[in-house]
């Protein structure tokens, strides 16, 4: 079985090498085809000196434009590469720092929590319900007697200076008289 797997691996490597060589030849042919379409051959024979200088200036301008575009694309590529590196570092930091352990829900009373925090110093028990005040419903209803009367009399009585004086006196005296 080992000899069969080695034979199989060598066949796979030979096939991969053939495909890789074919890919290189195809890329070179594609490059030559593209350049022959895009770049026209220069015909400089029979041109005067001034025409050659104009042609050189024109070619120089085209080279400058292409070089500017190449520089811009390269700057964008470098910026994106740096940003990708920074984001990868952030992801690794976040993944490494905040590894959450599996948590279990534990019920702890207030006494046990204080004992764990304070140790043997904790002697007072925390019975929170004992400190609550008990309130009866009847007491709350008796405290607020509701007066039902004619609201127009109240408005007339409070209008003007006399009503303001009554309100001021009522706020001044603690008994409300």
N, C-alpha and C. Protein backbone atom coordinates (compact mmCIF):
# COMPACT_ATOMS: atom_id res chain seq x y z
N UNK A 1 0.83 -1.20 0.00
CA UNK A 1 0.00 0.00 0.00
C UNK A 1 0.86 1.25 0.00
N UNK A 2 2.00 1.19 0.65
CA UNK A 2 2.88 2.36 0.73
C UNK A 2 3.47 2.66 -0.65
N UNK A 3 3.84 1.61 -1.40
CA UNK A 3 4.41 1.80 -2.73
C UNK A 3 3.37 2.37 -3.69
N UNK A 4 2.11 1.95 -3.51
CA UNK A 4 1.04 2.46 -4.36
C UNK A 4 0.81 3.95 -4.10
N UNK A 5 0.83 4.35 -2.81
CA UNK A 5 0.60 5.76 -2.49
C UNK A 5 1.75 6.62 -2.98
N UNK A 6 3.01 6.11 -2.90
CA UNK A 6 4.15 6.87 -3.43
C UNK A 6 4.05 7.02 -4.93
N UNK A 7 3.65 5.97 -5.62
CA UNK A 7 3.48 6.03 -7.07
C UNK A 7 2.39 7.02 -7.43
N UNK A 8 1.30 6.96 -6.67
CA UNK A 8 0.18 7.88 -6.89
C UNK A 8 0.61 9.32 -6.67
N UNK A 9 1.40 9.59 -5.61
CA UNK A 9 1.88 10.94 -5.32
C UNK A 9 2.80 11.44 -6.42
N UNK A 10 3.68 10.60 -6.91
CA UNK A 10 4.60 11.02 -7.97
C UNK A 10 3.85 11.34 -9.26
N UNK A 11 2.80 10.55 -9.56
CA UNK A 11 1.98 10.86 -10.74
C UNK A 11 1.27 12.20 -10.58
N UNK A 12 0.76 12.46 -9.38
CA UNK A 12 0.07 13.74 -9.12
C UNK A 12 1.04 14.91 -9.27
N UNK A 13 2.27 14.75 -8.75
CA UNK A 13 3.26 15.82 -8.86
C UNK A 13 3.64 16.06 -10.31
N UNK A 14 3.81 14.99 -11.09
CA UNK A 14 4.16 15.15 -12.51
C UNK A 14 3.06 15.88 -13.26
N UNK A 15 1.79 15.52 -12.98
CA UNK A 15 0.65 16.18 -13.63
C UNK A 15 0.58 17.66 -13.24
N UNK A 16 0.82 17.95 -11.95
CA UNK A 16 0.79 19.34 -11.48
C UNK A 16 1.89 20.15 -12.16
N UNK A 17 3.08 19.56 -12.32
CA UNK A 17 4.18 20.27 -12.98
C UNK A 17 3.84 20.56 -14.44
N UNK A 18 3.24 19.60 -15.13
CA UNK A 18 2.83 19.82 -16.52
C UNK A 18 1.83 20.97 -16.62
N UNK A 19 0.84 20.98 -15.74
CA UNK A 19 -0.18 22.04 -15.77
C UNK A 19 0.43 23.39 -15.44
N UNK A 20 1.38 23.42 -14.52
CA UNK A 20 2.03 24.67 -14.14
C UNK A 20 2.84 25.22 -15.31
N UNK A 21 3.59 24.35 -15.99
CA UNK A 21 4.35 24.79 -17.17
C UNK A 21 3.42 25.30 -18.26
N UNK A 22 2.30 24.61 -18.50
CA UNK A 22 1.33 25.05 -19.50
C UNK A 22 0.74 26.40 -19.13
N UNK A 23 0.49 26.62 -17.82
CA UNK A 23 -0.07 27.90 -17.37
C UNK A 23 0.91 29.03 -17.62
N UNK A 24 2.19 28.80 -17.41
CA UNK A 24 3.20 29.83 -17.67
C UNK A 24 3.23 30.18 -19.15
N UNK A 25 3.19 29.17 -20.04
CA UNK A 25 3.20 29.40 -21.48
C UNK A 25 1.94 30.18 -21.89
N UNK A 26 0.79 29.82 -21.32
CA UNK A 26 -0.47 30.52 -21.65
C UNK A 26 -0.42 31.98 -21.21
N UNK A 27 0.16 32.24 -20.03
CA UNK A 27 0.26 33.63 -19.55
C UNK A 27 1.16 34.46 -20.46
N UNK A 28 2.27 33.87 -20.89
CA UNK A 28 3.18 34.60 -21.77
C UNK A 28 2.50 34.90 -23.11
N UNK A 29 1.75 33.94 -23.64
CA UNK A 29 1.05 34.17 -24.91
C UNK A 29 -0.03 35.24 -24.75
N UNK A 30 -0.74 35.23 -23.64
CA UNK A 30 -1.77 36.24 -23.38
C UNK A 30 -1.14 37.62 -23.26
N UNK A 31 0.02 37.71 -22.62
CA UNK A 31 0.72 38.99 -22.48
C UNK A 31 1.14 39.54 -23.85
N UNK A 32 1.70 38.67 -24.68
CA UNK A 32 2.11 39.11 -26.02
C UNK A 32 0.91 39.54 -26.86
N UNK A 33 -0.20 38.81 -26.79
CA UNK A 33 -1.40 39.18 -27.53
C UNK A 33 -1.94 40.53 -27.06
N UNK A 34 -1.97 40.74 -25.75
CA UNK A 34 -2.48 42.00 -25.19
C UNK A 34 -1.60 43.18 -25.62
N UNK A 35 -0.28 43.00 -25.53
CA UNK A 35 0.62 44.08 -25.92
C UNK A 35 0.53 44.38 -27.42
N UNK A 36 0.35 43.37 -28.24
CA UNK A 36 0.23 43.62 -29.68
C UNK A 36 -1.06 44.39 -30.00
N UNK A 37 -2.12 44.17 -29.20
CA UNK A 37 -3.38 44.91 -29.41
C UNK A 37 -3.26 46.36 -28.93
N UNK A 38 -2.64 46.54 -27.76
CA UNK A 38 -2.62 47.86 -27.13
C UNK A 38 -1.50 48.76 -27.67
N UNK A 39 -0.34 48.20 -27.93
CA UNK A 39 0.81 49.01 -28.32
C UNK A 39 1.02 48.87 -29.83
N UNK A 40 0.86 49.99 -30.52
CA UNK A 40 1.11 49.98 -31.97
C UNK A 40 2.59 50.23 -32.22
N UNK A 41 3.17 49.63 -33.22
CA UNK A 41 4.60 49.85 -33.50
C UNK A 41 4.84 51.29 -33.98
N UNK A 42 5.98 51.83 -33.57
CA UNK A 42 6.34 53.20 -33.96
C UNK A 42 7.01 53.20 -35.34
N UNK A 43 6.59 54.15 -36.15
CA UNK A 43 7.21 54.32 -37.47
C UNK A 43 7.95 55.65 -37.44
N UNK A 44 9.25 55.58 -37.20
CA UNK A 44 10.05 56.80 -37.09
C UNK A 44 10.83 57.11 -38.36
N UNK A 45 10.82 56.21 -39.30
CA UNK A 45 11.60 56.46 -40.53
C UNK A 45 10.91 57.54 -41.36
N UNK A 46 11.70 58.44 -41.86
CA UNK A 46 11.20 59.51 -42.72
C UNK A 46 10.63 60.69 -41.97
N UNK A 47 10.79 60.76 -40.65
CA UNK A 47 10.28 61.90 -39.88
C UNK A 47 11.41 62.92 -39.70
N UNK A 48 11.01 64.19 -39.71
CA UNK A 48 12.01 65.24 -39.49
C UNK A 48 12.31 65.35 -38.00
N UNK A 49 13.28 66.17 -37.66
CA UNK A 49 13.70 66.33 -36.27
C UNK A 49 12.58 66.91 -35.42
N UNK A 50 11.87 67.89 -35.92
CA UNK A 50 10.77 68.50 -35.15
C UNK A 50 9.64 67.50 -34.95
N UNK A 51 9.35 66.66 -35.95
CA UNK A 51 8.30 65.64 -35.79
C UNK A 51 8.71 64.58 -34.77
N UNK A 52 9.99 64.21 -34.78
CA UNK A 52 10.49 63.26 -33.79
C UNK A 52 10.41 63.84 -32.38
N UNK A 53 10.73 65.14 -32.24
CA UNK A 53 10.64 65.79 -30.92
C UNK A 53 9.18 65.84 -30.44
N UNK A 54 8.25 66.14 -31.34
CA UNK A 54 6.82 66.15 -30.97
C UNK A 54 6.36 64.76 -30.54
N UNK A 55 6.83 63.74 -31.28
CA UNK A 55 6.48 62.36 -30.93
C UNK A 55 7.04 61.99 -29.56
N UNK A 56 8.27 62.41 -29.28
CA UNK A 56 8.88 62.14 -27.97
C UNK A 56 8.11 62.85 -26.85
N UNK A 57 7.70 64.10 -27.08
CA UNK A 57 6.91 64.83 -26.07
C UNK A 57 5.58 64.13 -25.81
N UNK A 58 4.93 63.71 -26.88
CA UNK A 58 3.64 63.02 -26.75
C UNK A 58 3.79 61.71 -25.97
N UNK A 59 4.83 60.94 -26.31
CA UNK A 59 5.07 59.68 -25.59
C UNK A 59 5.42 59.95 -24.12
N UNK A 60 6.18 61.02 -23.89
CA UNK A 60 6.56 61.37 -22.52
C UNK A 60 5.32 61.73 -21.69
N UNK A 61 4.39 62.47 -22.26
CA UNK A 61 3.15 62.82 -21.56
C UNK A 61 2.33 61.56 -21.23
N UNK A 62 2.26 60.64 -22.19
CA UNK A 62 1.52 59.40 -21.94
C UNK A 62 2.17 58.58 -20.83
N UNK A 63 3.50 58.54 -20.83
CA UNK A 63 4.22 57.80 -19.78
C UNK A 63 3.96 58.44 -18.42
N UNK A 64 3.94 59.78 -18.35
CA UNK A 64 3.67 60.46 -17.08
C UNK A 64 2.27 60.13 -16.56
N UNK A 65 1.29 60.12 -17.46
CA UNK A 65 -0.09 59.82 -17.05
C UNK A 65 -0.18 58.39 -16.51
N UNK A 66 0.44 57.46 -17.22
CA UNK A 66 0.41 56.06 -16.79
C UNK A 66 1.15 55.89 -15.46
N UNK A 67 2.27 56.60 -15.31
CA UNK A 67 3.04 56.51 -14.08
C UNK A 67 2.26 57.07 -12.89
N UNK A 68 1.53 58.17 -13.09
CA UNK A 68 0.68 58.72 -12.03
C UNK A 68 -0.40 57.73 -11.61
N UNK A 69 -1.04 57.11 -12.61
CA UNK A 69 -2.07 56.11 -12.31
C UNK A 69 -1.47 54.93 -11.54
N UNK A 70 -0.30 54.48 -11.97
CA UNK A 70 0.37 53.37 -11.28
C UNK A 70 0.69 53.74 -9.84
N UNK A 71 1.18 54.98 -9.63
CA UNK A 71 1.51 55.43 -8.28
C UNK A 71 0.26 55.48 -7.41
N UNK A 72 -0.84 56.01 -7.94
CA UNK A 72 -2.09 56.08 -7.17
C UNK A 72 -2.59 54.68 -6.80
N UNK A 73 -2.55 53.77 -7.76
CA UNK A 73 -3.01 52.40 -7.49
C UNK A 73 -2.11 51.73 -6.45
N UNK A 74 -0.80 51.98 -6.56
CA UNK A 74 0.14 51.39 -5.60
C UNK A 74 -0.10 51.94 -4.20
N UNK A 75 -0.37 53.26 -4.09
CA UNK A 75 -0.65 53.86 -2.79
C UNK A 75 -1.93 53.28 -2.18
N UNK A 76 -2.96 53.13 -3.01
CA UNK A 76 -4.21 52.53 -2.51
C UNK A 76 -3.98 51.09 -2.04
N UNK A 77 -3.20 50.35 -2.81
CA UNK A 77 -2.91 48.96 -2.48
C UNK A 77 -2.14 48.88 -1.15
N UNK A 78 -1.15 49.74 -0.97
CA UNK A 78 -0.39 49.76 0.29
C UNK A 78 -1.28 50.13 1.47
N UNK A 79 -2.14 51.12 1.26
CA UNK A 79 -3.06 51.53 2.33
C UNK A 79 -3.99 50.38 2.72
N UNK A 80 -4.54 49.71 1.71
CA UNK A 80 -5.44 48.58 1.99
C UNK A 80 -4.69 47.44 2.69
N UNK A 81 -3.45 47.20 2.29
CA UNK A 81 -2.66 46.14 2.91
C UNK A 81 -2.41 46.46 4.39
N UNK A 82 -2.05 47.73 4.68
CA UNK A 82 -1.85 48.13 6.08
C UNK A 82 -3.13 48.00 6.89
N UNK A 83 -4.24 48.41 6.30
CA UNK A 83 -5.53 48.32 6.99
C UNK A 83 -5.89 46.85 7.27
N UNK A 84 -5.62 45.98 6.31
CA UNK A 84 -5.90 44.56 6.51
C UNK A 84 -5.03 44.01 7.64
N UNK A 85 -3.75 44.40 7.66
CA UNK A 85 -2.86 43.94 8.73
C UNK A 85 -3.37 44.40 10.10
N UNK A 86 -3.77 45.69 10.18
CA UNK A 86 -4.27 46.22 11.45
C UNK A 86 -5.52 45.48 11.90
N UNK A 87 -6.43 45.22 10.97
CA UNK A 87 -7.66 44.50 11.33
C UNK A 87 -7.35 43.07 11.76
N UNK A 88 -6.38 42.42 11.10
CA UNK A 88 -6.00 41.07 11.51
C UNK A 88 -5.43 41.08 12.93
N UNK A 89 -4.61 42.08 13.22
CA UNK A 89 -4.04 42.18 14.57
C UNK A 89 -5.13 42.41 15.60
N UNK A 90 -6.10 43.27 15.28
CA UNK A 90 -7.21 43.51 16.20
C UNK A 90 -8.02 42.24 16.44
N UNK A 91 -8.26 41.49 15.37
CA UNK A 91 -9.02 40.25 15.52
C UNK A 91 -8.27 39.26 16.40
N UNK A 92 -6.96 39.14 16.18
CA UNK A 92 -6.16 38.24 17.01
C UNK A 92 -6.14 38.68 18.47
N UNK A 93 -6.03 40.00 18.70
CA UNK A 93 -6.06 40.51 20.07
C UNK A 93 -7.38 40.20 20.74
N UNK A 94 -8.46 40.46 20.02
CA UNK A 94 -9.78 40.20 20.61
C UNK A 94 -9.98 38.71 20.87
N UNK A 95 -9.51 37.88 19.97
CA UNK A 95 -9.69 36.44 20.12
C UNK A 95 -8.85 35.94 21.30
N UNK A 96 -7.67 36.52 21.49
CA UNK A 96 -6.77 36.03 22.53
C UNK A 96 -7.13 36.53 23.91
N UNK A 97 -7.55 37.76 24.06
CA UNK A 97 -7.78 38.36 25.37
C UNK A 97 -9.06 37.89 26.03
N UNK A 98 -10.10 37.80 25.26
CA UNK A 98 -11.41 37.59 25.86
C UNK A 98 -11.91 36.16 25.66
N UNK A 99 -11.13 35.22 26.10
CA UNK A 99 -11.58 33.83 26.02
C UNK A 99 -12.49 33.59 27.21
N UNK A 100 -13.75 33.32 26.94
CA UNK A 100 -14.73 33.19 28.01
C UNK A 100 -14.76 31.75 28.51
N UNK A 101 -14.64 31.58 29.82
CA UNK A 101 -14.76 30.23 30.36
C UNK A 101 -16.22 29.83 30.42
N UNK A 102 -16.50 28.55 30.43
CA UNK A 102 -17.90 28.14 30.56
C UNK A 102 -18.40 28.48 31.97
N UNK A 103 -19.43 29.27 32.04
CA UNK A 103 -19.95 29.73 33.33
C UNK A 103 -21.15 28.90 33.75
N UNK A 104 -21.24 28.71 35.06
CA UNK A 104 -22.40 28.01 35.61
C UNK A 104 -23.17 28.98 36.48
N UNK A 105 -24.47 28.84 36.51
CA UNK A 105 -25.30 29.69 37.35
C UNK A 105 -25.29 29.12 38.76
N UNK A 106 -24.90 29.95 39.73
CA UNK A 106 -24.81 29.51 41.12
C UNK A 106 -25.66 30.44 41.96
N UNK A 107 -26.47 29.85 42.80
CA UNK A 107 -27.29 30.67 43.70
C UNK A 107 -26.54 30.86 45.01
N UNK A 108 -26.30 32.10 45.36
CA UNK A 108 -25.60 32.42 46.59
C UNK A 108 -26.44 33.42 47.36
N UNK A 109 -26.61 33.18 48.63
CA UNK A 109 -27.38 34.11 49.46
C UNK A 109 -26.51 35.32 49.76
N UNK A 110 -27.15 36.36 50.27
CA UNK A 110 -26.42 37.58 50.59
C UNK A 110 -25.42 37.32 51.71
N UNK A 111 -25.80 36.48 52.69
CA UNK A 111 -24.88 36.15 53.78
C UNK A 111 -23.64 35.43 53.25
N UNK A 112 -23.84 34.46 52.38
CA UNK A 112 -22.71 33.72 51.83
C UNK A 112 -21.82 34.62 50.99
N UNK A 113 -22.41 35.57 50.26
CA UNK A 113 -21.63 36.49 49.45
C UNK A 113 -20.77 37.38 50.35
N UNK A 114 -21.38 37.93 51.43
CA UNK A 114 -20.62 38.78 52.34
C UNK A 114 -19.53 37.97 53.05
N UNK A 115 -19.82 36.73 53.42
CA UNK A 115 -18.83 35.87 54.06
C UNK A 115 -17.65 35.63 53.11
N UNK A 116 -17.96 35.44 51.81
CA UNK A 116 -16.90 35.21 50.85
C UNK A 116 -16.05 36.46 50.63
N UNK A 117 -16.71 37.63 50.67
CA UNK A 117 -15.98 38.88 50.45
C UNK A 117 -15.20 39.31 51.68
N UNK A 118 -15.86 39.25 52.86
CA UNK A 118 -15.25 39.79 54.08
C UNK A 118 -14.55 38.73 54.90
N UNK A 119 -14.78 37.49 54.64
CA UNK A 119 -14.13 36.43 55.40
C UNK A 119 -14.78 36.26 56.75
N UNK A 120 -13.96 36.09 57.80
CA UNK A 120 -14.49 35.83 59.14
C UNK A 120 -15.01 37.09 59.81
N UNK A 121 -14.77 38.29 59.25
CA UNK A 121 -15.24 39.54 59.85
C UNK A 121 -16.75 39.65 59.80
N UNK A 122 -17.37 38.94 58.87
CA UNK A 122 -18.81 39.07 58.67
C UNK A 122 -19.56 38.33 59.76
N UNK A 123 -20.29 39.12 60.59
CA UNK A 123 -21.07 38.50 61.66
C UNK A 123 -22.53 38.90 61.59
N UNK A 124 -22.83 39.98 60.90
CA UNK A 124 -24.21 40.47 60.84
C UNK A 124 -24.91 39.75 59.71
N UNK A 125 -26.09 39.24 60.00
CA UNK A 125 -26.84 38.57 58.94
C UNK A 125 -27.63 39.61 58.17
N UNK A 126 -27.76 39.35 56.91
CA UNK A 126 -28.47 40.30 56.05
C UNK A 126 -29.86 39.76 55.78
N UNK A 127 -30.79 40.06 56.68
CA UNK A 127 -32.17 39.69 56.43
C UNK A 127 -32.86 40.94 55.91
N UNK A 128 -32.92 41.06 54.61
CA UNK A 128 -33.43 42.29 54.00
C UNK A 128 -34.93 42.43 54.18
N UNK A 129 -35.64 41.34 54.25
CA UNK A 129 -37.10 41.43 54.36
C UNK A 129 -37.53 41.87 55.74
N UNK A 130 -36.70 41.65 56.76
CA UNK A 130 -37.07 42.04 58.12
C UNK A 130 -37.12 43.55 58.26
N UNK A 131 -36.33 44.27 57.47
CA UNK A 131 -36.28 45.73 57.57
C UNK A 131 -37.40 46.43 56.82
N UNK A 132 -38.17 45.66 56.04
CA UNK A 132 -39.23 46.29 55.26
C UNK A 132 -40.39 46.67 56.17
N UNK A 133 -41.01 47.78 55.83
CA UNK A 133 -42.16 48.27 56.59
C UNK A 133 -43.42 47.65 56.01
N UNK A 134 -44.27 47.13 56.88
CA UNK A 134 -45.51 46.54 56.38
C UNK A 134 -46.55 47.63 56.24
N UNK A 135 -47.26 47.62 55.16
CA UNK A 135 -48.26 48.64 54.87
C UNK A 135 -49.59 47.93 54.65
N UNK A 136 -50.61 48.45 55.30
CA UNK A 136 -51.95 47.88 55.11
C UNK A 136 -52.70 48.75 54.13
N UNK A 137 -53.60 48.14 53.38
CA UNK A 137 -54.36 48.86 52.39
C UNK A 137 -55.32 49.85 53.03
N UNK A 138 -55.90 49.52 54.14
CA UNK A 138 -56.88 50.38 54.79
C UNK A 138 -56.25 51.69 55.23
N UNK A 139 -54.98 51.63 55.71
CA UNK A 139 -54.31 52.84 56.16
C UNK A 139 -54.11 53.83 55.01
N UNK A 140 -53.77 53.36 53.84
CA UNK A 140 -53.53 54.27 52.72
C UNK A 140 -54.82 54.92 52.25
N UNK A 141 -55.95 54.21 52.36
CA UNK A 141 -57.21 54.80 51.93
C UNK A 141 -57.69 55.85 52.91
N UNK A 142 -57.41 55.69 54.20
CA UNK A 142 -57.85 56.64 55.22
C UNK A 142 -57.04 57.92 55.17
N UNK A 143 -55.80 57.85 54.77
CA UNK A 143 -54.94 59.03 54.76
C UNK A 143 -55.39 60.08 53.77
N UNK A 144 -55.97 59.71 52.68
CA UNK A 144 -56.34 60.68 51.65
C UNK A 144 -57.85 60.73 51.47
N UNK A 145 -58.50 61.57 52.22
CA UNK A 145 -59.94 61.75 51.96
C UNK A 145 -60.10 62.59 50.69
N UNK A 146 -60.98 62.17 49.85
CA UNK A 146 -61.18 62.84 48.57
C UNK A 146 -62.38 63.78 48.71
N UNK A 147 -62.14 65.08 48.39
CA UNK A 147 -63.23 66.05 48.42
C UNK A 147 -63.80 66.17 47.02
N UNK A 148 -65.09 66.00 46.94
CA UNK A 148 -65.76 66.18 45.68
C UNK A 148 -66.65 67.40 45.84
N UNK A 149 -66.39 68.39 45.01
CA UNK A 149 -67.20 69.61 45.12
C UNK A 149 -67.27 70.28 43.78
N UNK A 150 -67.81 71.47 43.78
CA UNK A 150 -67.94 72.22 42.56
C UNK A 150 -66.59 72.89 42.26
N UNK A 151 -66.00 72.57 41.16
CA UNK A 151 -64.68 73.09 40.83
C UNK A 151 -64.72 74.58 40.49
N UNK A 152 -65.89 75.08 40.10
CA UNK A 152 -65.99 76.50 39.75
C UNK A 152 -65.83 77.39 40.97
N UNK A 153 -66.31 76.93 42.13
CA UNK A 153 -66.15 77.72 43.35
C UNK A 153 -64.68 77.82 43.72
N UNK A 154 -63.97 76.74 43.56
CA UNK A 154 -62.55 76.71 43.89
C UNK A 154 -61.77 77.67 42.98
N UNK A 155 -62.10 77.70 41.70
CA UNK A 155 -61.42 78.60 40.76
C UNK A 155 -61.73 80.04 41.10
N UNK A 156 -62.98 80.35 41.42
CA UNK A 156 -63.35 81.73 41.76
C UNK A 156 -62.68 82.16 43.06
N UNK A 157 -62.56 81.24 44.00
CA UNK A 157 -61.96 81.58 45.29
C UNK A 157 -60.46 81.83 45.14
N UNK A 158 -59.80 81.13 44.24
CA UNK A 158 -58.36 81.26 44.09
C UNK A 158 -57.97 82.37 43.11
N UNK A 159 -58.90 82.92 42.39
CA UNK A 159 -58.55 83.96 41.43
C UNK A 159 -58.33 85.27 42.16
N UNK A 160 -57.53 86.12 41.59
CA UNK A 160 -57.27 87.42 42.19
C UNK A 160 -56.21 87.33 43.28
N UNK A 161 -56.04 88.46 43.97
CA UNK A 161 -55.00 88.56 45.00
C UNK A 161 -55.38 87.76 46.24
N UNK A 162 -56.65 87.66 46.54
CA UNK A 162 -57.06 86.95 47.75
C UNK A 162 -56.70 85.47 47.64
N UNK A 163 -56.89 84.89 46.49
CA UNK A 163 -56.55 83.47 46.28
C UNK A 163 -55.06 83.23 46.39
N UNK A 164 -54.27 84.15 45.88
CA UNK A 164 -52.82 84.01 45.97
C UNK A 164 -52.37 84.16 47.42
N UNK A 165 -53.05 85.05 48.14
CA UNK A 165 -52.70 85.24 49.56
C UNK A 165 -53.03 83.97 50.34
N UNK A 166 -54.17 83.32 50.02
CA UNK A 166 -54.53 82.07 50.70
C UNK A 166 -53.51 80.98 50.40
N UNK A 167 -53.06 80.92 49.15
CA UNK A 167 -52.07 79.91 48.78
C UNK A 167 -50.74 80.18 49.50
N UNK A 168 -50.37 81.46 49.61
CA UNK A 168 -49.12 81.82 50.28
C UNK A 168 -49.22 81.49 51.76
N UNK A 169 -50.35 81.81 52.37
CA UNK A 169 -50.53 81.50 53.80
C UNK A 169 -50.55 79.99 54.03
N UNK A 170 -51.18 79.26 53.13
CA UNK A 170 -51.24 77.81 53.28
C UNK A 170 -49.85 77.18 53.18
N UNK A 171 -49.01 77.69 52.30
CA UNK A 171 -47.67 77.15 52.15
C UNK A 171 -46.79 77.55 53.31
N UNK A 172 -47.09 78.74 53.93
CA UNK A 172 -46.27 79.26 55.01
C UNK A 172 -46.50 78.48 56.30
N UNK A 173 -47.75 78.18 56.61
CA UNK A 173 -48.05 77.51 57.87
C UNK A 173 -47.91 75.99 57.69
N UNK A 174 -47.26 75.31 58.66
CA UNK A 174 -47.04 73.88 58.51
C UNK A 174 -48.33 73.06 58.65
N UNK A 175 -49.32 73.53 59.35
CA UNK A 175 -50.56 72.78 59.51
C UNK A 175 -51.52 72.97 58.38
N UNK A 176 -51.29 73.98 57.57
CA UNK A 176 -52.15 74.22 56.41
C UNK A 176 -53.35 75.05 56.77
N UNK A 177 -53.33 75.84 57.87
CA UNK A 177 -54.46 76.70 58.25
C UNK A 177 -54.23 78.12 57.89
